[in-house]
Protein backbone atom coordinates (compact mmCIF):
# COMPACT_ATOMS: atom_id res chain seq x y z
CA MET A 1 -0.15 -0.29 -0.02
CA TYR A 2 1.52 3.66 -1.02
CA PHE A 3 0.36 6.76 -0.16
CA GLU A 4 -2.10 8.08 -2.37
CA TYR A 5 -1.23 11.83 -3.93
CA GLY A 6 -1.47 13.31 -7.32
CA ALA A 7 -0.96 16.32 -9.64
CA GLN A 8 -3.65 18.38 -7.44
CA GLU A 9 -1.48 17.74 -4.35
CA THR A 10 1.90 18.36 -5.55
CA GLU A 11 1.04 21.54 -7.68
CA TYR A 12 -0.52 22.86 -4.27
CA LEU A 13 2.47 22.37 -2.58
CA ALA A 14 4.53 23.84 -5.15
CA ARG A 15 2.56 26.96 -5.32
CA LYS A 16 2.97 27.42 -1.55
CA ASP A 17 6.68 26.76 -1.32
CA LYS A 18 9.16 27.78 -4.68
CA ARG A 19 12.17 25.46 -3.26
CA LEU A 20 9.71 22.37 -2.39
CA GLY A 21 8.07 23.25 -5.92
CA ALA A 22 11.43 22.91 -7.32
CA ALA A 23 12.35 19.51 -5.54
CA ILE A 24 8.90 18.07 -6.52
CA GLU A 25 9.91 18.78 -9.84
CA GLN A 26 13.46 17.36 -9.78
CA ILE A 27 12.41 14.07 -7.98
CA GLY A 28 9.16 13.34 -9.32
CA HIS A 29 6.47 11.18 -8.04
CA ILE A 30 7.72 9.22 -4.84
CA ASP A 31 6.20 5.68 -4.03
CA ARG A 32 5.87 6.00 -0.31
CA ALA A 33 4.88 2.86 1.49
CA VAL A 34 2.55 3.27 4.33
CA ASP A 35 0.70 0.64 6.76
CA GLY A 36 -3.03 0.58 6.72
CA ASP A 37 -3.35 0.60 10.08
CA LEU A 38 -3.02 3.71 11.97
CA PHE A 39 -1.89 1.78 15.26
CA SER A 40 0.51 -0.39 13.53
CA SER A 41 1.87 2.57 11.86
CA VAL A 42 2.09 4.73 15.43
CA VAL A 43 3.98 1.75 16.69
CA HIS A 44 6.59 1.57 13.53
CA GLN A 45 7.10 5.20 14.06
CA ILE A 46 8.12 5.10 17.82
CA VAL A 47 10.52 1.99 17.11
CA GLY A 48 12.06 4.31 14.40
CA GLN A 49 12.27 7.40 16.46
CA GLN A 50 14.97 5.50 18.60
CA ILE A 51 17.27 3.81 16.33
CA SER A 52 18.65 3.51 12.97
CA THR A 53 16.70 2.75 9.95
CA LYS A 54 18.28 -0.67 9.59
CA ALA A 55 18.01 -1.37 13.22
CA GLN A 56 14.28 -0.25 12.88
CA GLU A 57 13.77 -2.68 9.86
CA THR A 58 15.09 -5.61 11.72
CA ILE A 59 13.20 -4.86 14.99
CA TRP A 60 9.75 -4.42 12.89
CA GLN A 61 10.39 -7.67 11.14
CA ARG A 62 10.84 -9.56 14.44
CA MET A 63 7.58 -7.99 15.77
CA GLN A 64 5.71 -8.86 12.76
CA GLN A 65 7.05 -12.20 12.66
CA THR A 66 6.33 -12.75 16.65
CA LEU A 67 3.07 -11.04 17.18
CA GLY A 68 1.80 -11.70 13.75
CA THR A 69 -0.78 -8.49 13.74
CA VAL A 70 0.85 -5.47 15.58
CA ASP A 71 -1.99 -4.25 17.26
CA ALA A 72 -2.91 -3.36 21.06
CA GLY A 73 -3.97 -6.59 22.00
CA HIS A 74 -1.08 -8.49 20.68
CA ILE A 75 1.26 -5.87 22.06
CA LEU A 76 -0.17 -6.43 25.67
CA ALA A 77 -0.51 -10.35 25.24
CA ALA A 78 2.98 -10.22 24.22
CA GLY A 79 4.06 -8.45 27.52
CA VAL A 80 7.43 -6.21 28.47
CA PRO A 81 9.84 -9.48 28.04
CA GLU A 82 8.89 -10.49 25.10
CA LEU A 83 8.89 -7.01 23.61
CA GLN A 84 12.71 -6.63 25.33
CA LYS A 85 13.47 -9.96 23.33
CA LEU A 86 12.56 -8.21 20.06
CA GLY A 87 14.58 -5.40 20.58
CA ILE A 88 12.42 -2.93 22.38
CA THR A 89 14.27 -0.98 25.09
CA ALA A 90 12.68 -1.35 28.86
CA ARG A 91 11.46 1.93 28.90
CA ARG A 92 9.45 1.92 25.15
CA SER A 93 8.49 -1.64 26.30
CA ILE A 94 6.81 -0.47 29.39
CA SER A 95 5.00 2.62 27.80
CA GLN A 96 3.53 0.14 25.02
CA THR A 97 2.05 -2.02 27.67
CA SER A 98 1.41 0.51 30.66
CA PRO A 99 -2.21 2.10 31.20
CA GLY A 100 -1.98 5.54 32.18
CA ARG A 101 -2.47 8.85 30.40
CA CYS A 102 -3.28 8.64 26.66
CA ARG A 103 -0.07 8.97 24.92
CA GLN A 104 0.68 7.68 21.36
CA GLY A 105 1.79 4.33 21.30
CA SER A 106 0.14 3.17 24.74
CA ALA A 107 -1.76 0.05 23.96
CA ALA A 108 -2.92 -0.14 27.48
CA SER A 109 -4.76 3.18 26.81
CA ARG A 110 -5.72 2.45 23.40
CA ARG A 111 -7.09 -1.10 24.56
CA SER A 112 -9.31 0.61 27.53
CA GLY A 113 -10.64 3.23 25.44
CA ARG A 114 -8.68 5.87 27.30
CA CYS A 115 -6.95 7.00 24.01
CA ARG A 116 -8.62 6.87 20.72
CA THR A 117 -7.71 7.92 17.17
CA ARG A 118 -9.92 8.72 14.51
CA ARG A 119 -9.60 5.42 12.64
CA SER A 120 -10.17 2.68 14.71
CA SER A 121 -8.05 -0.65 13.79
CA GLY A 122 -10.48 -2.71 15.55
CA CYS A 123 -8.98 -2.54 18.97
């Protein structure tokens, strides 16, 4: 699945910023892969904020292989020790599985309904 955009969007951006417009003209259309599930995307980005791209790819593959579906239920079921085995730091593992204030990536908050997103991923 790729982020969908076309001429209307790129023309708008080019009108708003001449430098960006020049870059768009030089680079052309980019097929940007996206995850269709909002919660899974948030978890993926949290992993990516902390580590290099190569390490992120490795950990993300491990998460997908081990958890199957990366959603609040599977993260909570895995628990902190399993997430750490996959390469997630202790602090990030705990923030993913701990209830509390609504924050991006808090599986427990998402699962309990304290944290809502516009698009539900079925949690």
